[in-house]
């Protein structure tokens, strides 16, 4: 998996998109560790493919953030550890950021569903966390 970032977002679309989505440190990217992505970064090919598919670097950043929201949502649903609540916060953060980026740069928001976590507290396993 190739990862390149010059540190100057004006160098290329790749650098600008990485800078915009916070994917600037190799082996310490924004993707969940349990995702299919090795080392939690987007590869150069994935970022460049997003720019090609979306047509602009702003729309590409929005697409990649929408994918982050999906990955964090799936990660949250696959674990019952202390990281569970943090994964839900990350998914919600990226969902909101995706909406903001689509408003700013255009394109169609893919409409990610917001999943309420199920409480696992020893007393019930079928009540959403928002319910009491």
C-alpha atoms as a PDB file:
ATOM      1  CA  UNK A   1       0.000   0.000   0.000  1.00  0.00           C
ATOM      2  CA  UNK A   2       1.637   3.225  -1.132  1.00  0.00           C
ATOM      3  CA  UNK A   3       1.308   6.215   1.173  1.00  0.00           C
ATOM      4  CA  UNK A   4       2.723   9.596   0.227  1.00  0.00           C
ATOM      5  CA  UNK A   5       2.208  13.009   1.843  1.00  0.00           C
ATOM      6  CA  UNK A   6       4.590  15.902   1.225  1.00  0.00           C
ATOM      7  CA  UNK A   7       3.349  18.043   4.096  1.00  0.00           C
ATOM      8  CA  UNK A   8       2.213  20.760   1.686  1.00  0.00           C
ATOM      9  CA  UNK A   9      -1.465  20.512   0.679  1.00  0.00           C
ATOM     10  CA  UNK A  10      -0.812  22.776  -2.309  1.00  0.00           C
ATOM     11  CA  UNK A  11       1.544  20.214  -3.902  1.00  0.00           C
ATOM     12  CA  UNK A  12      -1.127  17.935  -5.371  1.00  0.00           C
ATOM     13  CA  UNK A  13      -4.742  16.785  -5.157  1.00  0.00           C
ATOM     14  CA  UNK A  14      -3.490  13.752  -3.211  1.00  0.00           C
ATOM     15  CA  UNK A  15      -1.832  15.942  -0.571  1.00  0.00           C
ATOM     16  CA  UNK A  16      -4.822  18.309  -0.370  1.00  0.00           C
ATOM     17  CA  UNK A  17      -7.316  15.477   0.148  1.00  0.00           C
ATOM     18  CA  UNK A  18      -5.103  13.775   2.752  1.00  0.00           C
ATOM     19  CA  UNK A  19      -4.720  17.111   4.566  1.00  0.00           C
ATOM     20  CA  UNK A  20      -8.488  17.804   4.465  1.00  0.00           C
ATOM     21  CA  UNK A  21      -9.508  14.417   5.889  1.00  0.00           C
ATOM     22  CA  UNK A  22      -6.683  14.121   8.432  1.00  0.00           C
ATOM     23  CA  UNK A  23      -4.836  11.266   6.733  1.00  0.00           C
ATOM     24  CA  UNK A  24      -1.363  12.797   6.890  1.00  0.00           C
ATOM     25  CA  UNK A  25       0.633  10.432   9.115  1.00  0.00           C
ATOM     26  CA  UNK A  26       1.649   7.060   7.710  1.00  0.00           C
ATOM     27  CA  UNK A  27       0.504   4.120   9.860  1.00  0.00           C
ATOM     28  CA  UNK A  28      -1.687   6.476  11.924  1.00  0.00           C
ATOM     29  CA  UNK A  29      -4.574   7.372   9.628  1.00  0.00           C
ATOM     30  CA  UNK A  30      -8.263   8.008  10.292  1.00  0.00           C
ATOM     31  CA  UNK A  31      -9.523   4.492   9.458  1.00  0.00           C
ATOM     32  CA  UNK A  32     -10.427   2.089  12.268  1.00  0.00           C
ATOM     33  CA  UNK A  33      -7.781  -0.518  13.000  1.00  0.00           C
ATOM     34  CA  UNK A  34     -10.311  -3.290  12.452  1.00  0.00           C
ATOM     35  CA  UNK A  35     -11.223  -2.139   8.957  1.00  0.00           C
ATOM     36  CA  UNK A  36     -10.058  -3.798   5.771  1.00  0.00           C
ATOM     37  CA  UNK A  37      -7.481  -1.058   5.373  1.00  0.00           C
ATOM     38  CA  UNK A  38      -4.007  -1.996   6.473  1.00  0.00           C
ATOM     39  CA  UNK A  39      -2.288   0.502   8.769  1.00  0.00           C
ATOM     40  CA  UNK A  40      -5.461   2.645   8.948  1.00  0.00           C
ATOM     41  CA  UNK A  41      -4.513   4.960   6.055  1.00  0.00           C
ATOM     42  CA  UNK A  42      -6.066   5.352   2.637  1.00  0.00           C
ATOM     43  CA  UNK A  43      -3.683   4.231  -0.088  1.00  0.00           C
ATOM     44  CA  UNK A  44      -2.557   6.723  -2.720  1.00  0.00           C
ATOM     45  CA  UNK A  45      -4.557   4.715  -5.270  1.00  0.00           C
ATOM     46  CA  UNK A  46      -7.746   5.006  -3.186  1.00  0.00           C
ATOM     47  CA  UNK A  47      -7.383   8.776  -2.789  1.00  0.00           C
ATOM     48  CA  UNK A  48      -6.586   9.265  -6.471  1.00  0.00           C
ATOM     49  CA  UNK A  49      -9.525   7.026  -7.468  1.00  0.00           C
ATOM     50  CA  UNK A  50     -11.849   9.161  -5.316  1.00  0.00           C
ATOM     51  CA  UNK A  51     -10.621  12.328  -7.056  1.00  0.00           C
ATOM     52  CA  UNK A  52     -11.180  10.709 -10.457  1.00  0.00           C
ATOM     53  CA  UNK A  53     -14.637   9.399  -9.514  1.00  0.00           C
ATOM     54  CA  UNK A  54     -15.863  12.621  -7.916  1.00  0.00           C
ATOM     55  CA  UNK A  55     -14.194  15.026 -10.342  1.00  0.00           C
ATOM     56  CA  UNK A  56     -12.837  17.474  -7.739  1.00  0.00           C
ATOM     57  CA  UNK A  57     -10.622  17.208  -4.687  1.00  0.00           C
ATOM     58  CA  UNK A  58     -13.355  18.668  -2.433  1.00  0.00           C
ATOM     59  CA  UNK A  59     -15.913  16.105  -3.519  1.00  0.00           C
ATOM     60  CA  UNK A  60     -13.271  13.379  -3.190  1.00  0.00           C
ATOM     61  CA  UNK A  61     -12.635  14.422   0.421  1.00  0.00           C
ATOM     62  CA  UNK A  62     -16.384  14.207   1.077  1.00  0.00           C
ATOM     63  CA  UNK A  63     -16.563  10.713  -0.428  1.00  0.00           C
ATOM     64  CA  UNK A  64     -13.642   9.442   1.638  1.00  0.00           C
ATOM     65  CA  UNK A  65     -15.127  10.908   4.820  1.00  0.00           C
ATOM     66  CA  UNK A  66     -18.445   9.210   4.027  1.00  0.00           C
ATOM     67  CA  UNK A  67     -16.534   5.938   3.690  1.00  0.00           C
ATOM     68  CA  UNK A  68     -14.870   6.635   7.055  1.00  0.00           C
ATOM     69  CA  UNK A  69     -18.304   7.049   8.656  1.00  0.00           C
ATOM     70  CA  UNK A  70     -19.381   3.708   7.224  1.00  0.00           C
ATOM     71  CA  UNK A  71     -16.200   1.947   8.323  1.00  0.00           C
ATOM     72  CA  UNK A  72     -16.431   3.337  11.858  1.00  0.00           C
ATOM     73  CA  UNK A  73     -20.115   2.340  12.034  1.00  0.00           C
ATOM     74  CA  UNK A  74     -19.253  -1.213  10.997  1.00  0.00           C
ATOM     75  CA  UNK A  75     -16.339  -1.304  13.444  1.00  0.00           C
ATOM     76  CA  UNK A  76     -18.611  -0.153  16.276  1.00  0.00           C
ATOM     77  CA  UNK A  77     -21.077  -2.907  15.451  1.00  0.00           C
ATOM     78  CA  UNK A  78     -18.413  -5.602  15.465  1.00  0.00           C
ATOM     79  CA  UNK A  79     -16.951  -5.068  18.922  1.00  0.00           C
ATOM     80  CA  UNK A  80     -18.154  -5.003  22.506  1.00  0.00           C
ATOM     81  CA  UNK A  81     -15.105  -3.515  24.149  1.00  0.00           C
ATOM     82  CA  UNK A  82     -14.324  -0.200  25.742  1.00  0.00           C
ATOM     83  CA  UNK A  83     -13.663   1.075  22.209  1.00  0.00           C
ATOM     84  CA  UNK A  84     -17.329   0.570  21.281  1.00  0.00           C
ATOM     85  CA  UNK A  85     -18.504   3.998  22.452  1.00  0.00           C
ATOM     86  CA  UNK A  86     -15.488   5.729  20.893  1.00  0.00           C
ATOM     87  CA  UNK A  87     -16.193   4.022  17.548  1.00  0.00           C
ATOM     88  CA  UNK A  88     -19.757   5.348  17.661  1.00  0.00           C
ATOM     89  CA  UNK A  89     -18.457   8.868  18.320  1.00  0.00           C
ATOM     90  CA  UNK A  90     -16.036   8.562  15.401  1.00  0.00           C
ATOM     91  CA  UNK A  91     -18.796   7.321  13.078  1.00  0.00           C
ATOM     92  CA  UNK A  92     -21.034  10.242  14.043  1.00  0.00           C
ATOM     93  CA  UNK A  93     -18.150  12.722  13.661  1.00  0.00           C
ATOM     94  CA  UNK A  94     -17.386  11.528  10.135  1.00  0.00           C
ATOM     95  CA  UNK A  95     -21.084  11.418   9.218  1.00  0.00           C
ATOM     96  CA  UNK A  96     -21.458  15.089  10.166  1.00  0.00           C
ATOM     97  CA  UNK A  97     -18.197  16.039   8.469  1.00  0.00           C
ATOM     98  CA  UNK A  98     -19.354  14.275   5.286  1.00  0.00           C
ATOM     99  CA  UNK A  99     -22.550  16.326   5.302  1.00  0.00           C
ATOM    100  CA  UNK A 100     -20.573  19.540   5.821  1.00  0.00           C
ATOM    101  CA  UNK A 101     -18.127  18.730   3.028  1.00  0.00           C
ATOM    102  CA  UNK A 102     -20.947  17.919   0.600  1.00  0.00           C
ATOM    103  CA  UNK A 103     -22.580  21.254   1.442  1.00  0.00           C
ATOM    104  CA  UNK A 104     -19.285  23.053   0.862  1.00  0.00           C
ATOM    105  CA  UNK A 105     -17.988  21.220  -2.215  1.00  0.00           C
ATOM    106  CA  UNK A 106     -21.146  19.793  -3.769  1.00  0.00           C
ATOM    107  CA  UNK A 107     -22.238  16.349  -4.768  1.00  0.00           C
ATOM    108  CA  UNK A 108     -24.764  14.035  -3.258  1.00  0.00           C
ATOM    109  CA  UNK A 109     -24.436  12.874   0.315  1.00  0.00           C
ATOM    110  CA  UNK A 110     -24.791   9.101   0.429  1.00  0.00           C
ATOM    111  CA  UNK A 111     -27.140   9.260   3.425  1.00  0.00           C
ATOM    112  CA  UNK A 112     -25.431   7.119   6.012  1.00  0.00           C
ATOM    113  CA  UNK A 113     -27.738   5.667   8.606  1.00  0.00           C
ATOM    114  CA  UNK A 114     -27.158   6.516  12.203  1.00  0.00           C
ATOM    115  CA  UNK A 115     -27.208   3.352  14.283  1.00  0.00           C
ATOM    116  CA  UNK A 116     -28.079   3.570  17.960  1.00  0.00           C
ATOM    117  CA  UNK A 117     -25.859   1.310  20.057  1.00  0.00           C
ATOM    118  CA  UNK A 118     -27.518  -1.515  21.937  1.00  0.00           C
ATOM    119  CA  UNK A 119     -26.933  -1.403  25.665  1.00  0.00           C
ATOM    120  CA  UNK A 120     -24.963  -4.295  27.119  1.00  0.00           C
ATOM    121  CA  UNK A 121     -25.130  -3.723  30.846  1.00  0.00           C
ATOM    122  CA  UNK A 122     -26.072  -7.086  32.320  1.00  0.00           C
ATOM    123  CA  UNK A 123     -29.738  -6.139  32.651  1.00  0.00           C
ATOM    124  CA  UNK A 124     -30.939  -5.830  29.090  1.00  0.00           C
ATOM    125  CA  UNK A 125     -29.723  -6.525  25.616  1.00  0.00           C
ATOM    126  CA  UNK A 126     -32.618  -5.223  23.576  1.00  0.00           C
ATOM    127  CA  UNK A 127     -32.940  -1.568  24.638  1.00  0.00           C
ATOM    128  CA  UNK A 128     -31.260   1.145  22.606  1.00  0.00           C
ATOM    129  CA  UNK A 129     -28.877   3.337  24.546  1.00  0.00           C
ATOM    130  CA  UNK A 130     -31.178   6.349  24.184  1.00  0.00           C
ATOM    131  CA  UNK A 131     -34.025   4.544  25.958  1.00  0.00           C
ATOM    132  CA  UNK A 132     -34.231   4.242  29.731  1.00  0.00           C
END
